[in-house]
Amino acid sequence: MLKRFLPILGFALLLPASTVRADEYTDTIAVFKKAGQSAAYFNTAYGYAVFPTIGKGGVGIGGAHGKGRVYEKGKYIGDTSMTQITVGFQLGGQAFSEIIFFEDARALKDFTSGNFEFGAEASAVAITAGASAQAGSTGASAAASGTQDKARTAGGYFKGMAVFTVAKGGLMFEATLGGQKFNYQKR
């Protein structure tokens, strides 16, 4: 089934997610450290996964992809990637940064134990402003921000995880169902 969606996923990869420089990780972490409510999580989180750029695109069927790094107590411990296939009404493309905070060692272990997946997602994004929410078996909460100084979360930690996104650009209209799937590789 994934092979049928590879052309759409390829479109998402054409967005600025394909090449990530080491400085982009530092820069993205700095954005979230200055971005409203997400800043406080750096003081209390056991760890986090950061994605400098996730590219997302679709026409009816869509996809998203991004590469990231996982940190435990501030130390880089491995690499991660996020892939998402969505089905539903959607049109356009966008790029955004994402960070997932882990409240404790258990939450980090859940994420790094192999393949990890968030459940259903609903989102609406317009240029650099947007809002999203995620729900599913993990129940992770999320929110998006229109500016890098105003990242917010919807409800804090849920089942040990809190997700923040900052829109970087693009235009996408969608009402979709699909989950973010993460792969982890120890450093």
N, C-alpha and C. Protein backbone atom coordinates (compact mmCIF):
# COMPACT_ATOMS: atom_id res chain seq x y z
N MET A 1 0.82 -1.19 0.00
CA MET A 1 0.00 0.00 0.00
C MET A 1 0.87 1.26 0.00
N LEU A 2 1.96 1.22 0.73
CA LEU A 2 2.84 2.39 0.81
C LEU A 2 3.38 2.75 -0.57
N LYS A 3 3.64 1.76 -1.44
CA LYS A 3 4.17 2.04 -2.76
C LYS A 3 3.22 2.91 -3.58
N ARG A 4 1.92 2.77 -3.36
CA ARG A 4 0.94 3.58 -4.09
C ARG A 4 1.05 5.04 -3.69
N PHE A 5 1.50 5.31 -2.48
CA PHE A 5 1.53 6.68 -1.97
C PHE A 5 2.91 7.33 -2.09
N LEU A 6 3.90 6.60 -2.58
CA LEU A 6 5.24 7.15 -2.67
C LEU A 6 5.33 8.41 -3.53
N PRO A 7 4.59 8.52 -4.66
CA PRO A 7 4.67 9.79 -5.41
C PRO A 7 4.21 10.99 -4.59
N ILE A 8 3.18 10.82 -3.79
CA ILE A 8 2.70 11.92 -2.95
C ILE A 8 3.72 12.22 -1.87
N LEU A 9 4.27 11.17 -1.27
CA LEU A 9 5.29 11.36 -0.26
C LEU A 9 6.51 12.05 -0.87
N GLY A 10 6.81 11.71 -2.11
CA GLY A 10 7.92 12.37 -2.80
C GLY A 10 7.69 13.86 -2.94
N PHE A 11 6.43 14.26 -3.19
CA PHE A 11 6.10 15.68 -3.25
C PHE A 11 6.41 16.36 -1.92
N ALA A 12 6.03 15.71 -0.83
CA ALA A 12 6.30 16.27 0.49
C ALA A 12 7.80 16.41 0.72
N LEU A 13 8.56 15.48 0.18
CA LEU A 13 10.01 15.52 0.37
C LEU A 13 10.65 16.65 -0.41
N LEU A 14 9.98 17.14 -1.45
CA LEU A 14 10.52 18.26 -2.21
C LEU A 14 10.51 19.54 -1.40
N LEU A 15 9.68 19.58 -0.37
CA LEU A 15 9.68 20.73 0.52
C LEU A 15 11.00 20.73 1.27
N PRO A 16 11.34 21.78 2.00
CA PRO A 16 12.69 21.90 2.57
C PRO A 16 13.02 20.91 3.68
N ALA A 17 12.58 19.67 3.59
CA ALA A 17 12.88 18.70 4.64
C ALA A 17 13.99 17.74 4.25
N SER A 18 14.45 17.81 3.02
CA SER A 18 15.36 16.78 2.54
C SER A 18 16.76 16.88 3.12
N THR A 19 17.28 18.05 3.32
CA THR A 19 18.63 18.21 3.82
C THR A 19 18.59 18.95 5.15
N VAL A 20 19.15 18.33 6.16
CA VAL A 20 19.17 18.96 7.48
C VAL A 20 20.63 19.10 7.91
N ARG A 21 21.05 20.32 8.16
CA ARG A 21 22.40 20.58 8.64
C ARG A 21 22.41 20.48 10.16
N ALA A 22 23.55 20.19 10.74
CA ALA A 22 23.68 20.09 12.20
C ALA A 22 23.25 21.39 12.87
N ASP A 23 23.58 22.53 12.26
CA ASP A 23 23.20 23.83 12.84
C ASP A 23 21.69 24.00 12.90
N GLU A 24 20.96 23.36 11.99
CA GLU A 24 19.50 23.47 12.00
C GLU A 24 18.91 22.89 13.28
N TYR A 25 19.53 21.87 13.83
CA TYR A 25 19.06 21.31 15.10
C TYR A 25 19.22 22.33 16.22
N THR A 26 20.41 22.92 16.30
CA THR A 26 20.68 23.94 17.31
C THR A 26 19.74 25.12 17.14
N ASP A 27 19.56 25.56 15.90
CA ASP A 27 18.68 26.70 15.63
C ASP A 27 17.23 26.38 15.99
N THR A 28 16.77 25.19 15.66
CA THR A 28 15.38 24.80 15.95
C THR A 28 15.16 24.69 17.46
N ILE A 29 16.10 24.11 18.17
CA ILE A 29 15.99 24.03 19.62
C ILE A 29 15.92 25.43 20.22
N ALA A 30 16.73 26.34 19.69
CA ALA A 30 16.70 27.73 20.18
C ALA A 30 15.34 28.38 19.94
N VAL A 31 14.73 28.10 18.78
CA VAL A 31 13.40 28.64 18.50
C VAL A 31 12.41 28.16 19.55
N PHE A 32 12.40 26.87 19.85
CA PHE A 32 11.46 26.33 20.82
C PHE A 32 11.77 26.80 22.25
N LYS A 33 13.06 27.06 22.54
CA LYS A 33 13.41 27.57 23.86
C LYS A 33 12.90 29.00 24.07
N LYS A 34 12.70 29.73 22.98
CA LYS A 34 12.19 31.11 23.06
C LYS A 34 10.70 31.19 22.76
N ALA A 35 10.06 30.07 22.48
CA ALA A 35 8.71 30.07 21.93
C ALA A 35 7.62 29.82 22.96
N GLY A 36 7.32 30.82 23.75
CA GLY A 36 6.16 30.72 24.64
C GLY A 36 6.21 29.54 25.59
N GLN A 37 5.14 28.76 25.60
CA GLN A 37 4.99 27.67 26.56
C GLN A 37 6.00 26.54 26.38
N SER A 38 6.52 26.34 25.19
CA SER A 38 7.46 25.23 24.98
C SER A 38 8.76 25.44 25.74
N ALA A 39 9.13 26.68 26.02
CA ALA A 39 10.39 26.97 26.70
C ALA A 39 10.51 26.29 28.05
N ALA A 40 9.43 26.27 28.81
CA ALA A 40 9.46 25.68 30.15
C ALA A 40 9.73 24.18 30.13
N TYR A 41 9.37 23.51 29.06
CA TYR A 41 9.54 22.06 28.98
C TYR A 41 11.01 21.66 28.98
N PHE A 42 11.88 22.51 28.50
CA PHE A 42 13.32 22.19 28.50
C PHE A 42 13.85 22.04 29.93
N ASN A 43 13.23 22.70 30.90
CA ASN A 43 13.67 22.62 32.29
C ASN A 43 13.18 21.36 33.00
N THR A 44 12.09 20.76 32.52
CA THR A 44 11.50 19.64 33.23
C THR A 44 11.47 18.33 32.45
N ALA A 45 11.60 18.39 31.14
CA ALA A 45 11.50 17.18 30.31
C ALA A 45 12.70 16.27 30.53
N TYR A 46 12.43 14.98 30.49
CA TYR A 46 13.49 13.98 30.58
C TYR A 46 14.29 13.96 29.28
N GLY A 47 13.60 14.22 28.18
CA GLY A 47 14.24 14.24 26.87
C GLY A 47 13.30 14.82 25.83
N TYR A 48 13.77 14.86 24.59
CA TYR A 48 12.94 15.38 23.51
C TYR A 48 13.47 14.90 22.16
N ALA A 49 12.59 14.93 21.17
CA ALA A 49 12.95 14.67 19.78
C ALA A 49 12.64 15.95 19.02
N VAL A 50 13.59 16.41 18.21
CA VAL A 50 13.40 17.66 17.49
C VAL A 50 13.55 17.42 15.98
N PHE A 51 12.64 18.01 15.22
CA PHE A 51 12.62 17.92 13.77
C PHE A 51 12.71 19.34 13.21
N PRO A 52 13.86 19.75 12.67
CA PRO A 52 14.00 21.10 12.15
C PRO A 52 12.99 21.43 11.06
N THR A 53 12.79 20.51 10.13
CA THR A 53 11.82 20.75 9.05
C THR A 53 11.13 19.45 8.68
N ILE A 54 9.82 19.49 8.73
CA ILE A 54 9.00 18.40 8.21
C ILE A 54 8.26 18.98 7.01
N GLY A 55 8.39 18.31 5.88
CA GLY A 55 7.68 18.72 4.68
C GLY A 55 6.41 17.91 4.54
N LYS A 56 5.34 18.57 4.18
CA LYS A 56 4.04 17.90 4.07
C LYS A 56 3.35 18.38 2.81
N GLY A 57 2.76 17.48 2.05
CA GLY A 57 2.05 17.88 0.85
C GLY A 57 1.00 16.86 0.49
N GLY A 58 0.00 17.32 -0.26
CA GLY A 58 -1.02 16.38 -0.68
C GLY A 58 -2.03 16.97 -1.62
N VAL A 59 -2.60 16.09 -2.42
CA VAL A 59 -3.74 16.38 -3.27
C VAL A 59 -4.65 15.17 -3.11
N GLY A 60 -5.59 15.24 -2.18
CA GLY A 60 -6.46 14.10 -1.88
C GLY A 60 -5.77 13.11 -0.96
N ILE A 61 -4.65 12.57 -1.41
CA ILE A 61 -3.81 11.69 -0.60
C ILE A 61 -2.53 12.45 -0.37
N GLY A 62 -2.04 12.43 0.85
CA GLY A 62 -0.86 13.22 1.16
C GLY A 62 0.18 12.46 1.94
N GLY A 63 1.28 13.12 2.14
CA GLY A 63 2.35 12.54 2.91
C GLY A 63 3.20 13.62 3.55
N ALA A 64 3.94 13.21 4.54
CA ALA A 64 4.87 14.11 5.22
C ALA A 64 6.09 13.31 5.62
N HIS A 65 7.22 14.01 5.69
CA HIS A 65 8.45 13.33 6.12
C HIS A 65 9.40 14.36 6.70
N GLY A 66 10.14 13.93 7.70
CA GLY A 66 11.17 14.77 8.28
C GLY A 66 12.15 13.93 9.07
N LYS A 67 13.36 14.44 9.22
CA LYS A 67 14.40 13.76 9.99
C LYS A 67 14.66 14.56 11.25
N GLY A 68 14.97 13.85 12.32
CA GLY A 68 15.21 14.52 13.58
C GLY A 68 16.25 13.82 14.43
N ARG A 69 16.46 14.41 15.60
CA ARG A 69 17.39 13.85 16.58
C ARG A 69 16.68 13.71 17.91
N VAL A 70 17.11 12.71 18.67
CA VAL A 70 16.54 12.46 19.99
C VAL A 70 17.60 12.79 21.04
N TYR A 71 17.15 13.48 22.10
CA TYR A 71 18.02 13.89 23.19
C TYR A 71 17.49 13.35 24.51
N GLU A 72 18.40 12.85 25.33
CA GLU A 72 18.06 12.39 26.68
C GLU A 72 18.86 13.25 27.65
N LYS A 73 18.15 13.96 28.52
CA LYS A 73 18.78 14.88 29.48
C LYS A 73 19.76 15.83 28.77
N GLY A 74 19.36 16.31 27.59
CA GLY A 74 20.17 17.26 26.84
C GLY A 74 21.27 16.65 25.99
N LYS A 75 21.48 15.33 26.07
CA LYS A 75 22.54 14.66 25.31
C LYS A 75 21.95 13.95 24.09
N TYR A 76 22.55 14.18 22.94
CA TYR A 76 22.13 13.56 21.68
C TYR A 76 22.37 12.05 21.75
N ILE A 77 21.28 11.25 21.62
CA ILE A 77 21.41 9.80 21.76
C ILE A 77 21.05 9.02 20.50
N GLY A 78 20.43 9.66 19.51
CA GLY A 78 20.06 8.91 18.31
C GLY A 78 19.29 9.75 17.30
N ASP A 79 19.03 9.11 16.18
CA ASP A 79 18.33 9.77 15.08
C ASP A 79 16.92 9.20 14.95
N THR A 80 16.03 10.00 14.44
CA THR A 80 14.65 9.58 14.23
C THR A 80 14.16 10.14 12.91
N SER A 81 13.15 9.51 12.37
CA SER A 81 12.49 10.05 11.18
C SER A 81 10.99 9.91 11.38
N MET A 82 10.26 10.82 10.77
CA MET A 82 8.80 10.81 10.86
C MET A 82 8.26 10.68 9.45
N THR A 83 7.31 9.78 9.28
CA THR A 83 6.61 9.61 8.02
C THR A 83 5.12 9.60 8.32
N GLN A 84 4.37 10.23 7.44
CA GLN A 84 2.92 10.29 7.62
C GLN A 84 2.25 10.15 6.27
N ILE A 85 1.26 9.30 6.20
CA ILE A 85 0.40 9.17 5.03
C ILE A 85 -0.99 9.60 5.48
N THR A 86 -1.63 10.48 4.72
CA THR A 86 -2.95 10.97 5.08
C THR A 86 -3.91 10.76 3.92
N VAL A 87 -5.15 10.49 4.26
CA VAL A 87 -6.20 10.31 3.28
C VAL A 87 -7.36 11.20 3.68
N GLY A 88 -7.88 11.96 2.76
CA GLY A 88 -8.99 12.87 3.04
C GLY A 88 -8.83 14.12 2.21
N PHE A 89 -9.69 15.08 2.42
CA PHE A 89 -9.64 16.31 1.64
C PHE A 89 -8.44 17.13 2.06
N GLN A 90 -7.52 17.36 1.12
CA GLN A 90 -6.32 18.14 1.38
C GLN A 90 -5.75 18.62 0.06
N LEU A 91 -5.11 19.76 0.11
CA LEU A 91 -4.52 20.34 -1.09
C LEU A 91 -3.42 21.31 -0.67
N GLY A 92 -2.23 21.12 -1.23
CA GLY A 92 -1.15 22.06 -0.98
C GLY A 92 0.07 21.42 -0.35
N GLY A 93 0.90 22.28 0.22
CA GLY A 93 2.12 21.82 0.87
C GLY A 93 2.52 22.79 1.96
N GLN A 94 3.26 22.31 2.91
CA GLN A 94 3.72 23.16 4.00
C GLN A 94 4.99 22.60 4.60
N ALA A 95 5.67 23.41 5.35
CA ALA A 95 6.86 23.00 6.09
C ALA A 95 6.69 23.50 7.52
N PHE A 96 7.09 22.68 8.48
CA PHE A 96 6.99 23.08 9.88
C PHE A 96 8.07 22.39 10.68
N SER A 97 8.37 22.94 11.84
CA SER A 97 9.28 22.33 12.81
C SER A 97 8.43 21.66 13.88
N GLU A 98 8.96 20.59 14.46
CA GLU A 98 8.22 19.88 15.50
C GLU A 98 9.17 19.44 16.60
N ILE A 99 8.68 19.48 17.82
CA ILE A 99 9.43 18.95 18.95
C ILE A 99 8.48 18.13 19.81
N ILE A 100 8.96 16.98 20.25
CA ILE A 100 8.19 16.11 21.13
C ILE A 100 8.96 16.00 22.43
N PHE A 101 8.34 16.45 23.53
CA PHE A 101 8.98 16.35 24.84
C PHE A 101 8.54 15.06 25.52
N PHE A 102 9.49 14.42 26.21
CA PHE A 102 9.21 13.21 26.97
C PHE A 102 9.29 13.54 28.44
N GLU A 103 8.22 13.31 29.15
CA GLU A 103 8.12 13.68 30.56
C GLU A 103 9.07 12.88 31.44
N ASP A 104 9.27 11.60 31.10
CA ASP A 104 10.08 10.72 31.95
C ASP A 104 10.76 9.66 31.09
N ALA A 105 11.55 8.80 31.76
CA ALA A 105 12.30 7.76 31.06
C ALA A 105 11.36 6.78 30.36
N ARG A 106 10.21 6.49 30.94
CA ARG A 106 9.24 5.58 30.33
C ARG A 106 8.76 6.10 28.99
N ALA A 107 8.42 7.38 28.92
CA ALA A 107 7.94 7.98 27.67
C ALA A 107 9.04 7.94 26.60
N LEU A 108 10.28 8.25 26.99
CA LEU A 108 11.39 8.19 26.04
C LEU A 108 11.59 6.76 25.56
N LYS A 109 11.50 5.80 26.46
CA LYS A 109 11.66 4.39 26.09
C LYS A 109 10.57 3.95 25.12
N ASP A 110 9.33 4.40 25.36
CA ASP A 110 8.24 4.08 24.43
C ASP A 110 8.57 4.58 23.02
N PHE A 111 9.08 5.80 22.94
CA PHE A 111 9.38 6.41 21.65
C PHE A 111 10.56 5.70 20.96
N THR A 112 11.59 5.35 21.72
CA THR A 112 12.81 4.79 21.14
C THR A 112 12.81 3.27 21.06
N SER A 113 11.72 2.62 21.41
CA SER A 113 11.69 1.16 21.43
C SER A 113 11.55 0.53 20.05
N GLY A 114 11.55 1.30 19.03
CA GLY A 114 11.41 0.76 17.67
C GLY A 114 10.54 1.69 16.86
N ASN A 115 9.47 1.16 16.33
CA ASN A 115 8.53 1.98 15.58
C ASN A 115 7.46 2.51 16.52
N PHE A 116 7.29 3.80 16.54
CA PHE A 116 6.32 4.46 17.40
C PHE A 116 5.36 5.23 16.51
N GLU A 117 4.08 5.26 16.86
CA GLU A 117 3.11 5.93 16.02
C GLU A 117 2.08 6.68 16.84
N PHE A 118 1.80 7.94 16.42
CA PHE A 118 0.68 8.69 16.97
C PHE A 118 -0.57 8.27 16.21
N GLY A 119 -1.71 8.44 16.83
CA GLY A 119 -2.97 8.06 16.22
C GLY A 119 -3.50 9.11 15.27
N ALA A 120 -4.82 9.22 15.21
CA ALA A 120 -5.49 10.11 14.26
C ALA A 120 -5.07 11.56 14.49
N GLU A 121 -5.01 12.30 13.41
CA GLU A 121 -4.63 13.71 13.47
C GLU A 121 -5.63 14.54 12.69
N ALA A 122 -5.98 15.69 13.22
CA ALA A 122 -6.79 16.67 12.48
C ALA A 122 -6.04 17.98 12.50
N SER A 123 -5.94 18.66 11.37
CA SER A 123 -5.20 19.92 11.36
C SER A 123 -5.74 20.86 10.31
N ALA A 124 -5.44 22.14 10.50
CA ALA A 124 -5.77 23.18 9.53
C ALA A 124 -4.61 24.16 9.51
N VAL A 125 -4.02 24.40 8.37
CA VAL A 125 -2.86 25.26 8.28
C VAL A 125 -3.05 26.24 7.13
N ALA A 126 -2.78 27.51 7.35
CA ALA A 126 -2.83 28.52 6.29
C ALA A 126 -1.58 29.37 6.36
N ILE A 127 -0.79 29.34 5.36
CA ILE A 127 0.49 30.05 5.22
C ILE A 127 1.37 29.80 6.45
N THR A 128 1.51 30.74 7.38
CA THR A 128 2.36 30.50 8.55
C THR A 128 1.55 30.45 9.83
N ALA A 129 0.25 30.32 9.75
CA ALA A 129 -0.57 30.20 10.95
C ALA A 129 -1.31 28.89 10.87
N GLY A 130 -1.55 28.28 12.00
CA GLY A 130 -2.27 27.02 11.96
C GLY A 130 -2.61 26.51 13.33
N ALA A 131 -3.34 25.46 13.33
CA ALA A 131 -3.70 24.79 14.57
C ALA A 131 -3.84 23.32 14.26
N SER A 132 -3.45 22.48 15.20
CA SER A 132 -3.61 21.04 15.00
C SER A 132 -3.83 20.36 16.33
N ALA A 133 -4.37 19.19 16.25
CA ALA A 133 -4.57 18.37 17.45
C ALA A 133 -4.37 16.92 17.06
N GLN A 134 -3.80 16.15 17.95
CA GLN A 134 -3.59 14.75 17.67
C GLN A 134 -4.20 13.95 18.80
N ALA A 135 -4.75 12.82 18.43
CA ALA A 135 -5.30 11.91 19.43
C ALA A 135 -5.09 10.50 18.95
N GLY A 136 -5.11 9.56 19.85
CA GLY A 136 -4.94 8.17 19.46
C GLY A 136 -4.54 7.36 20.65
N SER A 137 -3.92 6.22 20.38
CA SER A 137 -3.56 5.33 21.48
C SER A 137 -2.56 5.98 22.41
N THR A 138 -1.70 6.83 21.89
CA THR A 138 -0.76 7.52 22.76
C THR A 138 -1.40 8.74 23.38
N GLY A 139 -2.39 9.30 22.70
CA GLY A 139 -3.09 10.47 23.21
C GLY A 139 -2.24 11.71 23.27
N ALA A 140 -1.16 11.77 22.51
CA ALA A 140 -0.30 12.94 22.59
C ALA A 140 -1.05 14.18 22.15
N SER A 141 -0.85 15.26 22.86
CA SER A 141 -1.52 16.51 22.49
C SER A 141 -0.55 17.37 21.70
N ALA A 142 -1.11 18.24 20.88
CA ALA A 142 -0.26 19.11 20.08
C ALA A 142 -0.98 20.40 19.76
N ALA A 143 -0.19 21.39 19.38
CA ALA A 143 -0.74 22.63 18.87
C ALA A 143 0.27 23.25 17.93
N ALA A 144 -0.18 24.09 17.04
CA ALA A 144 0.73 24.76 16.12
C ALA A 144 0.68 26.24 16.39
N SER A 145 1.68 26.92 15.91
CA SER A 145 1.81 28.35 16.16
C SER A 145 2.00 29.09 14.85
N GLY A 146 1.50 30.30 14.81
CA GLY A 146 1.66 31.12 13.63
C GLY A 146 2.98 31.84 13.60
N THR A 147 3.62 32.02 14.73
CA THR A 147 4.92 32.68 14.77
C THR A 147 5.86 31.88 15.64
N GLN A 148 7.14 32.06 15.42
CA GLN A 148 8.12 31.30 16.19
C GLN A 148 8.15 31.74 17.64
N ASP A 149 7.59 32.88 17.98
CA ASP A 149 7.60 33.36 19.36
C ASP A 149 6.36 32.92 20.14
N LYS A 150 5.43 32.21 19.52
CA LYS A 150 4.17 31.91 20.17
C LYS A 150 3.80 30.43 20.15
N ALA A 151 4.77 29.53 20.19
CA ALA A 151 4.44 28.11 20.18
C ALA A 151 3.66 27.77 21.44
N ARG A 152 2.61 27.02 21.29
CA ARG A 152 1.75 26.64 22.40
C ARG A 152 1.43 25.16 22.32
N THR A 153 1.00 24.60 23.41
CA THR A 153 0.56 23.21 23.42
C THR A 153 -0.87 23.14 23.92
N ALA A 154 -1.57 22.11 23.52
CA ALA A 154 -2.96 21.93 23.94
C ALA A 154 -2.98 20.92 25.07
N GLY A 155 -2.88 21.38 26.30
CA GLY A 155 -3.07 20.50 27.44
C GLY A 155 -1.84 19.93 28.09
N GLY A 156 -0.64 20.30 27.73
CA GLY A 156 0.55 19.80 28.39
C GLY A 156 0.83 18.35 28.07
N TYR A 157 1.54 17.66 28.99
CA TYR A 157 1.86 16.25 28.80
C TYR A 157 0.59 15.42 28.80
N PHE A 158 0.56 14.46 27.91
CA PHE A 158 -0.50 13.46 27.91
C PHE A 158 0.17 12.13 27.66
N LYS A 159 0.03 11.23 28.60
CA LYS A 159 0.71 9.93 28.53
C LYS A 159 2.21 10.11 28.35
N GLY A 160 2.75 11.13 29.00
CA GLY A 160 4.19 11.34 29.02
C GLY A 160 4.79 12.11 27.87
N MET A 161 3.95 12.61 26.96
CA MET A 161 4.48 13.34 25.81
C MET A 161 3.72 14.63 25.57
N ALA A 162 4.44 15.64 25.09
CA ALA A 162 3.85 16.91 24.68
C ALA A 162 4.49 17.29 23.35
N VAL A 163 3.67 17.72 22.39
CA VAL A 163 4.14 18.02 21.04
C VAL A 163 3.87 19.48 20.72
N PHE A 164 4.89 20.15 20.16
CA PHE A 164 4.76 21.53 19.72
C PHE A 164 5.17 21.60 18.25
N THR A 165 4.51 22.44 17.48
CA THR A 165 4.92 22.69 16.10
C THR A 165 4.96 24.19 15.84
N VAL A 166 5.84 24.58 14.95
CA VAL A 166 5.92 25.96 14.50
C VAL A 166 5.87 25.93 12.97
N ALA A 167 4.88 26.56 12.40
CA ALA A 167 4.76 26.63 10.94
C ALA A 167 5.91 27.45 10.37
N LYS A 168 6.53 26.92 9.32
CA LYS A 168 7.63 27.64 8.67
C LYS A 168 7.18 28.28 7.38
N GLY A 169 6.16 27.74 6.76
CA GLY A 169 5.67 28.31 5.51
C GLY A 169 4.89 27.31 4.70
N GLY A 170 4.25 27.81 3.67
CA GLY A 170 3.47 26.96 2.79
C GLY A 170 2.01 27.30 2.88
N LEU A 171 1.24 26.62 2.09
CA LEU A 171 -0.20 26.80 2.08
C LEU A 171 -0.83 25.43 1.91
N MET A 172 -1.61 25.02 2.90
CA MET A 172 -2.24 23.71 2.81
C MET A 172 -3.59 23.78 3.47
N PHE A 173 -4.58 23.30 2.75
CA PHE A 173 -5.93 23.19 3.30
C PHE A 173 -6.22 21.71 3.39
N GLU A 174 -6.63 21.27 4.59
CA GLU A 174 -6.89 19.85 4.72
C GLU A 174 -7.84 19.54 5.87
N ALA A 175 -8.47 18.42 5.73
CA ALA A 175 -9.24 17.79 6.80
C ALA A 175 -8.94 16.31 6.62
N THR A 176 -7.95 15.81 7.33
CA THR A 176 -7.41 14.48 7.03
C THR A 176 -7.40 13.57 8.25
N LEU A 177 -7.26 12.29 7.96
CA LEU A 177 -7.03 11.29 8.99
C LEU A 177 -5.73 10.59 8.65
N GLY A 178 -4.88 10.43 9.59
CA GLY A 178 -3.61 9.76 9.36
C GLY A 178 -2.74 9.92 10.58
N GLY A 179 -1.78 9.06 10.74
CA GLY A 179 -0.92 9.11 11.92
C GLY A 179 0.52 9.38 11.57
N GLN A 180 1.22 9.99 12.50
CA GLN A 180 2.65 10.17 12.34
C GLN A 180 3.34 8.92 12.86
N LYS A 181 4.21 8.35 12.05
CA LYS A 181 4.96 7.16 12.44
C LYS A 181 6.43 7.53 12.54
N PHE A 182 7.06 7.11 13.63
CA PHE A 182 8.44 7.46 13.90
C PHE A 182 9.31 6.22 13.95
N ASN A 183 10.49 6.32 13.37
CA ASN A 183 11.51 5.28 13.47
C ASN A 183 12.67 5.88 14.24
N TYR A 184 13.32 5.05 15.05
CA TYR A 184 14.44 5.52 15.87
C TYR A 184 15.64 4.64 15.61
N GLN A 185 16.82 5.26 15.54
CA GLN A 185 18.07 4.52 15.42
C GLN A 185 19.06 5.11 16.41
N LYS A 186 19.54 4.24 17.30
CA LYS A 186 20.49 4.66 18.32
C LYS A 186 21.76 5.17 17.66
N ARG A 187 22.34 6.18 18.25
CA ARG A 187 23.57 6.79 17.74
C ARG A 187 24.74 5.87 17.90
